[in-house]
Amino acid sequence: MVKERIDRFLMSANNIHSFPFMETNVLRQSCSDHDAIILDTEGRKPRDSQRDPRLNFKYDACWAKNKEAKMIIKAVWQRNAQDILEKIKTVGKELGG
């Protein structure tokens, strides 16, 4: 699957030092070539970073119309060696999520 990311976020070095826990998050849009970038200047302190990574993956509806994505999802889901949470994680990685 070919994916291109043309959306970028730039910030000066001075601002980076002013916000040491800053985070950016990309809000993926269904079948769009541009995504919104959210800047969180407070971010998460190191002790808050233990968030469950399974909560980060979100299925995008446009994958249902993409043959290659459907094949990736089907192949991962048919693997017997993984539990459901591992399958979701693997699908997310293989689809670039």
N, C-alpha and C. Protein backbone atom coordinates (compact mmCIF):
# COMPACT_ATOMS: atom_id res chain seq x y z
N MET A 1 0.86 -1.17 0.00
CA MET A 1 0.00 0.00 0.00
C MET A 1 0.90 1.23 0.00
N VAL A 2 0.65 2.15 -0.89
CA VAL A 2 1.43 3.38 -0.97
C VAL A 2 0.69 4.48 -0.24
N LYS A 3 1.40 5.15 0.65
CA LYS A 3 0.82 6.28 1.38
C LYS A 3 1.79 7.43 1.31
N GLU A 4 1.27 8.62 1.13
CA GLU A 4 2.10 9.81 1.15
C GLU A 4 1.58 10.73 2.23
N ARG A 5 2.50 11.33 2.93
CA ARG A 5 2.11 12.29 3.96
C ARG A 5 2.67 13.65 3.57
N ILE A 6 1.77 14.54 3.24
CA ILE A 6 2.21 15.87 2.82
C ILE A 6 1.99 16.92 3.90
N ASP A 7 1.30 16.57 4.94
CA ASP A 7 1.02 17.52 6.02
C ASP A 7 2.18 17.51 7.01
N ARG A 8 2.64 18.70 7.35
CA ARG A 8 3.77 18.83 8.27
C ARG A 8 3.47 19.90 9.31
N PHE A 9 4.20 19.85 10.42
CA PHE A 9 4.08 20.83 11.48
C PHE A 9 5.47 21.37 11.76
N LEU A 10 5.63 22.69 11.76
CA LEU A 10 6.93 23.31 12.02
C LEU A 10 6.83 24.23 13.23
N MET A 11 7.92 24.29 14.00
CA MET A 11 7.96 25.15 15.18
C MET A 11 9.40 25.58 15.42
N SER A 12 9.60 26.79 15.92
CA SER A 12 10.95 27.27 16.19
C SER A 12 11.57 26.55 17.39
N ALA A 13 12.88 26.54 17.44
CA ALA A 13 13.60 25.90 18.55
C ALA A 13 13.25 26.55 19.88
N ASN A 14 13.06 27.88 19.89
CA ASN A 14 12.69 28.58 21.13
C ASN A 14 11.37 28.05 21.68
N ASN A 15 10.40 27.86 20.82
CA ASN A 15 9.10 27.35 21.27
C ASN A 15 9.20 25.90 21.75
N ILE A 16 10.03 25.13 21.10
CA ILE A 16 10.19 23.73 21.52
C ILE A 16 10.73 23.67 22.95
N HIS A 17 11.68 24.54 23.28
CA HIS A 17 12.23 24.56 24.64
C HIS A 17 11.22 25.10 25.65
N SER A 18 10.30 25.94 25.21
CA SER A 18 9.28 26.50 26.11
C SER A 18 8.21 25.48 26.48
N PHE A 19 8.03 24.47 25.63
CA PHE A 19 6.98 23.47 25.84
C PHE A 19 7.61 22.07 25.78
N PRO A 20 8.30 21.65 26.84
CA PRO A 20 9.04 20.38 26.78
C PRO A 20 8.17 19.13 26.63
N PHE A 21 6.90 19.20 27.01
CA PHE A 21 6.04 18.02 26.91
C PHE A 21 5.04 18.13 25.76
N MET A 22 5.29 19.07 24.86
CA MET A 22 4.39 19.31 23.73
C MET A 22 4.22 18.05 22.89
N GLU A 23 3.00 17.88 22.37
CA GLU A 23 2.71 16.76 21.47
C GLU A 23 1.93 17.27 20.28
N THR A 24 2.12 16.62 19.15
CA THR A 24 1.27 16.88 17.99
C THR A 24 0.55 15.59 17.67
N ASN A 25 -0.68 15.71 17.26
CA ASN A 25 -1.48 14.56 16.87
C ASN A 25 -2.10 14.85 15.51
N VAL A 26 -2.04 13.87 14.63
CA VAL A 26 -2.62 14.01 13.30
C VAL A 26 -4.00 13.36 13.33
N LEU A 27 -5.00 14.12 12.93
CA LEU A 27 -6.37 13.59 12.83
C LEU A 27 -6.57 13.11 11.40
N ARG A 28 -6.54 11.81 11.21
CA ARG A 28 -6.67 11.25 9.88
C ARG A 28 -8.07 11.48 9.33
N GLN A 29 -8.12 11.90 8.09
CA GLN A 29 -9.39 12.15 7.41
C GLN A 29 -9.65 10.99 6.46
N SER A 30 -10.88 10.56 6.35
CA SER A 30 -11.22 9.47 5.44
C SER A 30 -11.02 9.91 4.00
N CYS A 31 -10.18 9.19 3.30
CA CYS A 31 -9.98 9.38 1.86
C CYS A 31 -9.62 10.81 1.48
N SER A 32 -8.94 11.53 2.33
CA SER A 32 -8.52 12.89 2.04
C SER A 32 -7.00 12.93 1.99
N ASP A 33 -6.46 13.86 1.20
CA ASP A 33 -5.00 13.96 1.13
C ASP A 33 -4.45 14.98 2.12
N HIS A 34 -5.29 15.59 2.93
CA HIS A 34 -4.84 16.53 3.96
C HIS A 34 -5.44 16.13 5.31
N ASP A 35 -4.64 16.24 6.34
CA ASP A 35 -5.07 15.89 7.69
C ASP A 35 -4.88 17.08 8.61
N ALA A 36 -5.72 17.18 9.62
CA ALA A 36 -5.58 18.23 10.63
C ALA A 36 -4.48 17.84 11.61
N ILE A 37 -3.68 18.81 12.01
CA ILE A 37 -2.63 18.58 13.00
C ILE A 37 -2.98 19.37 14.25
N ILE A 38 -3.13 18.67 15.36
CA ILE A 38 -3.49 19.29 16.63
C ILE A 38 -2.22 19.45 17.47
N LEU A 39 -2.00 20.65 17.99
CA LEU A 39 -0.85 20.92 18.86
C LEU A 39 -1.34 21.01 20.29
N ASP A 40 -0.80 20.15 21.14
CA ASP A 40 -1.10 20.17 22.57
C ASP A 40 0.16 20.66 23.28
N THR A 41 0.15 21.92 23.72
CA THR A 41 1.35 22.51 24.33
C THR A 41 1.63 21.95 25.72
N GLU A 42 0.64 21.36 26.36
CA GLU A 42 0.85 20.78 27.69
C GLU A 42 1.32 19.34 27.57
N GLY A 43 0.80 18.63 26.59
CA GLY A 43 1.20 17.25 26.38
C GLY A 43 1.00 16.39 27.60
N ARG A 44 1.75 15.32 27.67
CA ARG A 44 1.69 14.42 28.82
C ARG A 44 3.03 14.43 29.52
N LYS A 45 2.98 14.55 30.80
CA LYS A 45 4.20 14.44 31.59
C LYS A 45 4.68 12.99 31.51
N PRO A 46 5.95 12.72 31.77
CA PRO A 46 6.45 11.34 31.65
C PRO A 46 5.63 10.30 32.40
N ARG A 47 5.12 10.63 33.56
CA ARG A 47 4.33 9.64 34.32
C ARG A 47 2.97 9.38 33.69
N ASP A 48 2.50 10.30 32.84
CA ASP A 48 1.20 10.13 32.19
C ASP A 48 1.30 9.35 30.88
N SER A 49 2.51 9.02 30.45
CA SER A 49 2.67 8.43 29.12
C SER A 49 2.39 6.93 29.07
N GLN A 50 1.92 6.35 30.14
CA GLN A 50 1.65 4.92 30.17
C GLN A 50 0.25 4.59 29.65
N ARG A 51 -0.25 5.37 28.73
CA ARG A 51 -1.58 5.16 28.16
C ARG A 51 -1.60 3.86 27.35
N ASP A 52 -2.71 3.19 27.38
CA ASP A 52 -2.87 1.93 26.67
C ASP A 52 -2.78 2.17 25.16
N PRO A 53 -1.76 1.63 24.47
CA PRO A 53 -1.60 1.90 23.04
C PRO A 53 -2.71 1.33 22.18
N ARG A 54 -3.49 0.39 22.70
CA ARG A 54 -4.60 -0.17 21.92
C ARG A 54 -5.66 0.87 21.64
N LEU A 55 -5.69 1.94 22.43
CA LEU A 55 -6.71 2.96 22.24
C LEU A 55 -6.38 3.90 21.09
N ASN A 56 -5.19 3.81 20.51
CA ASN A 56 -4.77 4.72 19.46
C ASN A 56 -5.26 4.33 18.07
N PHE A 57 -5.51 3.05 17.81
CA PHE A 57 -5.89 2.61 16.48
C PHE A 57 -7.37 2.88 16.23
N LYS A 58 -7.65 3.45 15.06
CA LYS A 58 -9.03 3.68 14.65
C LYS A 58 -9.19 3.21 13.22
N TYR A 59 -10.21 2.43 12.96
CA TYR A 59 -10.49 1.94 11.62
C TYR A 59 -11.00 3.08 10.77
N ASP A 60 -10.46 3.22 9.56
CA ASP A 60 -10.89 4.27 8.63
C ASP A 60 -11.84 3.65 7.61
N ALA A 61 -13.01 4.23 7.44
CA ALA A 61 -14.04 3.67 6.56
C ALA A 61 -13.57 3.53 5.11
N CYS A 62 -12.66 4.36 4.66
CA CYS A 62 -12.22 4.27 3.26
C CYS A 62 -11.43 2.98 3.00
N TRP A 63 -10.91 2.31 4.04
CA TRP A 63 -10.20 1.05 3.85
C TRP A 63 -11.14 -0.03 3.32
N ALA A 64 -12.42 0.06 3.62
CA ALA A 64 -13.38 -0.94 3.15
C ALA A 64 -13.51 -0.92 1.63
N LYS A 65 -13.16 0.19 1.00
CA LYS A 65 -13.26 0.33 -0.46
C LYS A 65 -11.93 0.06 -1.16
N ASN A 66 -10.87 -0.14 -0.40
CA ASN A 66 -9.54 -0.33 -0.96
C ASN A 66 -9.19 -1.81 -0.95
N LYS A 67 -8.98 -2.38 -2.15
CA LYS A 67 -8.72 -3.82 -2.25
C LYS A 67 -7.47 -4.25 -1.49
N GLU A 68 -6.41 -3.47 -1.60
CA GLU A 68 -5.16 -3.83 -0.93
C GLU A 68 -5.34 -3.81 0.59
N ALA A 69 -6.04 -2.80 1.09
CA ALA A 69 -6.29 -2.73 2.53
C ALA A 69 -7.14 -3.91 2.99
N LYS A 70 -8.15 -4.26 2.20
CA LYS A 70 -8.99 -5.40 2.56
C LYS A 70 -8.18 -6.69 2.61
N MET A 71 -7.24 -6.85 1.68
CA MET A 71 -6.39 -8.05 1.67
C MET A 71 -5.49 -8.09 2.90
N ILE A 72 -4.95 -6.93 3.29
CA ILE A 72 -4.10 -6.87 4.48
C ILE A 72 -4.91 -7.24 5.72
N ILE A 73 -6.08 -6.66 5.86
CA ILE A 73 -6.94 -6.94 7.02
C ILE A 73 -7.31 -8.42 7.07
N LYS A 74 -7.70 -8.97 5.93
CA LYS A 74 -8.10 -10.38 5.88
C LYS A 74 -6.93 -11.30 6.25
N ALA A 75 -5.74 -11.01 5.70
CA ALA A 75 -4.56 -11.84 5.98
C ALA A 75 -4.21 -11.82 7.46
N VAL A 76 -4.23 -10.64 8.06
CA VAL A 76 -3.90 -10.53 9.49
C VAL A 76 -4.96 -11.25 10.32
N TRP A 77 -6.21 -11.08 9.97
CA TRP A 77 -7.30 -11.65 10.77
C TRP A 77 -7.33 -13.17 10.70
N GLN A 78 -6.81 -13.75 9.62
CA GLN A 78 -6.82 -15.21 9.48
C GLN A 78 -5.64 -15.88 10.18
N ARG A 79 -4.71 -15.11 10.68
CA ARG A 79 -3.58 -15.68 11.43
C ARG A 79 -4.09 -16.22 12.76
N ASN A 80 -3.78 -17.46 13.05
CA ASN A 80 -4.27 -18.09 14.27
C ASN A 80 -3.41 -17.82 15.49
N ALA A 81 -2.19 -17.36 15.28
CA ALA A 81 -1.25 -17.24 16.39
C ALA A 81 -1.47 -16.01 17.26
N GLN A 82 -2.38 -15.13 16.88
CA GLN A 82 -2.56 -13.89 17.62
C GLN A 82 -3.95 -13.81 18.25
N ASP A 83 -4.02 -13.11 19.39
CA ASP A 83 -5.33 -12.83 19.96
C ASP A 83 -5.89 -11.58 19.28
N ILE A 84 -7.12 -11.23 19.59
CA ILE A 84 -7.78 -10.11 18.91
C ILE A 84 -7.02 -8.80 19.08
N LEU A 85 -6.54 -8.52 20.28
CA LEU A 85 -5.83 -7.26 20.50
C LEU A 85 -4.55 -7.19 19.68
N GLU A 86 -3.84 -8.31 19.55
CA GLU A 86 -2.63 -8.34 18.72
C GLU A 86 -2.98 -8.17 17.25
N LYS A 87 -4.09 -8.76 16.82
CA LYS A 87 -4.52 -8.61 15.43
C LYS A 87 -4.84 -7.15 15.12
N ILE A 88 -5.53 -6.48 16.02
CA ILE A 88 -5.85 -5.06 15.82
C ILE A 88 -4.57 -4.25 15.73
N LYS A 89 -3.63 -4.53 16.62
CA LYS A 89 -2.35 -3.83 16.62
C LYS A 89 -1.59 -4.07 15.31
N THR A 90 -1.58 -5.32 14.84
CA THR A 90 -0.89 -5.66 13.60
C THR A 90 -1.55 -5.00 12.40
N VAL A 91 -2.88 -5.02 12.34
CA VAL A 91 -3.59 -4.34 11.25
C VAL A 91 -3.22 -2.86 11.23
N GLY A 92 -3.22 -2.24 12.38
CA GLY A 92 -2.86 -0.82 12.46
C GLY A 92 -1.47 -0.55 11.94
N LYS A 93 -0.51 -1.40 12.30
CA LYS A 93 0.87 -1.23 11.83
C LYS A 93 0.96 -1.43 10.32
N GLU A 94 0.32 -2.48 9.82
CA GLU A 94 0.43 -2.80 8.40
C GLU A 94 -0.31 -1.80 7.51
N LEU A 95 -1.33 -1.16 8.05
CA LEU A 95 -2.04 -0.14 7.28
C LEU A 95 -1.44 1.25 7.48
N GLY A 96 -0.45 1.33 8.35
CA GLY A 96 0.20 2.62 8.58
C GLY A 96 -0.52 3.48 9.58
N GLY A 97 -1.38 2.86 10.37
CA GLY A 97 -2.15 3.61 11.36
C GLY A 97 -1.43 3.88 12.62
